Amino acid sequence: MKAINSPKARTAFWEKLLKDHGSQKLETALRTVTEPSQRILRLCYHEHKTFTEIMAIIGKSLSIVRGYHSQGMIQLVKKLYPQLDSPFDILNVQYE
């Protein structure tokens, strides 16, 4: 998910999900995400860990952490925005 590669963009994207769906619905959707993507998302957004910190915690490379993060975000978008033809359609959102 090219548009959410920077920490600022990831935070903006997560905040959009919270704004659109609320924390309870987002948490319910997060429970449907497969492991280890769910763990990566929780570390990133609940515990505010950087990808570098997550790498150390789970013992995987940066590319693996990014891959799990992207997979988890795609799963969340599919769950939260079923009307979209593609989960990538959500990326039309503008990030500062």
Protein backbone atom coordinates (compact mmCIF):
# COMPACT_ATOMS: atom_id res chain seq x y z
CA MET A 1 0.00 0.00 0.00
CA LYS A 2 2.29 2.64 -1.34
CA ALA A 3 0.39 5.62 0.07
CA ILE A 4 0.91 4.59 3.70
CA ASN A 5 4.67 4.04 3.77
CA SER A 6 5.55 6.96 6.04
CA PRO A 7 4.74 7.05 9.76
CA LYS A 8 2.74 10.26 9.23
CA ALA A 9 0.65 8.68 6.47
CA ARG A 10 0.08 5.51 8.53
CA THR A 11 -1.13 7.59 11.46
CA ALA A 12 -3.44 9.63 9.20
CA PHE A 13 -4.83 6.44 7.68
CA TRP A 14 -5.52 4.90 11.10
CA GLU A 15 -7.15 8.12 12.26
CA LYS A 16 -9.39 8.03 9.18
CA LEU A 17 -10.47 4.49 10.07
CA LEU A 18 -11.24 5.63 13.64
CA LYS A 19 -13.15 8.67 12.43
CA ASP A 20 -15.19 6.70 9.89
CA HIS A 21 -15.99 3.71 12.11
CA GLY A 22 -15.23 4.46 15.76
CA SER A 23 -12.91 2.58 18.07
CA GLN A 24 -15.32 -0.24 18.92
CA LYS A 25 -16.06 -1.16 15.30
CA LEU A 26 -12.38 -0.83 14.39
CA GLU A 27 -11.43 -3.13 17.28
CA THR A 28 -14.02 -5.69 16.16
CA ALA A 29 -12.64 -5.56 12.61
CA LEU A 30 -9.07 -5.81 13.91
CA ARG A 31 -9.95 -9.10 15.63
CA THR A 32 -10.72 -10.56 12.18
CA VAL A 33 -7.24 -9.79 10.83
CA THR A 34 -4.96 -12.79 10.62
CA GLU A 35 -1.88 -13.20 12.76
CA PRO A 36 0.83 -11.89 12.64
CA SER A 37 -0.67 -8.87 10.84
CA GLN A 38 -3.02 -8.28 13.79
CA ARG A 39 -0.06 -8.23 16.18
CA ILE A 40 1.84 -5.76 13.98
CA LEU A 41 -1.18 -3.43 13.79
CA ARG A 42 -1.70 -3.58 17.56
CA LEU A 43 1.97 -2.83 18.22
CA CYS A 44 1.92 0.01 15.72
CA TYR A 45 -1.38 1.69 16.63
CA HIS A 46 -2.17 0.64 20.19
CA GLU A 47 1.36 0.64 21.59
CA HIS A 48 2.72 3.32 19.20
CA LYS A 49 5.80 1.28 18.25
CA THR A 50 7.85 2.14 15.18
CA PHE A 51 8.55 -0.47 12.54
CA THR A 52 12.14 -0.61 13.83
CA GLU A 53 10.90 -1.36 17.34
CA ILE A 54 8.45 -3.95 16.00
CA MET A 55 11.30 -5.64 14.10
CA ALA A 56 13.14 -6.11 17.40
CA ILE A 57 10.04 -7.33 19.22
CA ILE A 58 9.06 -9.98 16.67
CA GLY A 59 12.53 -10.77 15.33
CA LYS A 60 11.69 -10.20 11.67
CA SER A 61 13.10 -7.92 8.97
CA LEU A 62 11.71 -4.53 8.03
CA SER A 63 10.30 -5.90 4.77
CA ILE A 64 8.44 -8.63 6.67
CA VAL A 65 7.01 -6.10 9.15
CA ARG A 66 5.90 -3.84 6.29
CA GLY A 67 4.37 -6.77 4.46
CA TYR A 68 2.37 -7.91 7.50
CA HIS A 69 1.28 -4.32 8.12
CA SER A 70 0.07 -3.93 4.53
CA GLN A 71 -1.74 -7.27 4.60
CA GLY A 72 -3.48 -6.29 7.83
CA MET A 73 -4.53 -2.90 6.51
CA ILE A 74 -5.91 -4.48 3.34
CA GLN A 75 -7.93 -6.93 5.46
CA LEU A 76 -9.26 -4.07 7.60
CA VAL A 77 -10.27 -2.00 4.58
CA LYS A 78 -12.07 -4.99 3.02
CA LYS A 79 -13.95 -5.54 6.28
CA LEU A 80 -14.77 -1.89 7.00
CA TYR A 81 -15.49 -0.72 3.43
CA PRO A 82 -17.21 -3.68 1.72
CA GLN A 83 -18.71 -1.32 -0.87
CA LEU A 84 -15.30 -0.67 -2.44
CA ASP A 85 -14.40 -2.61 -5.57
CA SER A 86 -10.81 -2.79 -4.39
CA PRO A 87 -9.29 -2.13 -0.96
CA PHE A 88 -6.86 0.18 -2.75
CA ASP A 89 -9.73 2.55 -3.60
CA ILE A 90 -9.52 3.89 -0.05
CA LEU A 91 -6.09 5.28 -0.96
CA ASN A 92 -7.77 8.08 -2.88
CA VAL A 93 -7.80 9.79 0.50
CA GLN A 94 -5.40 12.73 0.59
CA TYR A 95 -2.66 12.66 3.22
CA GLU A 96 -0.72 15.72 4.29
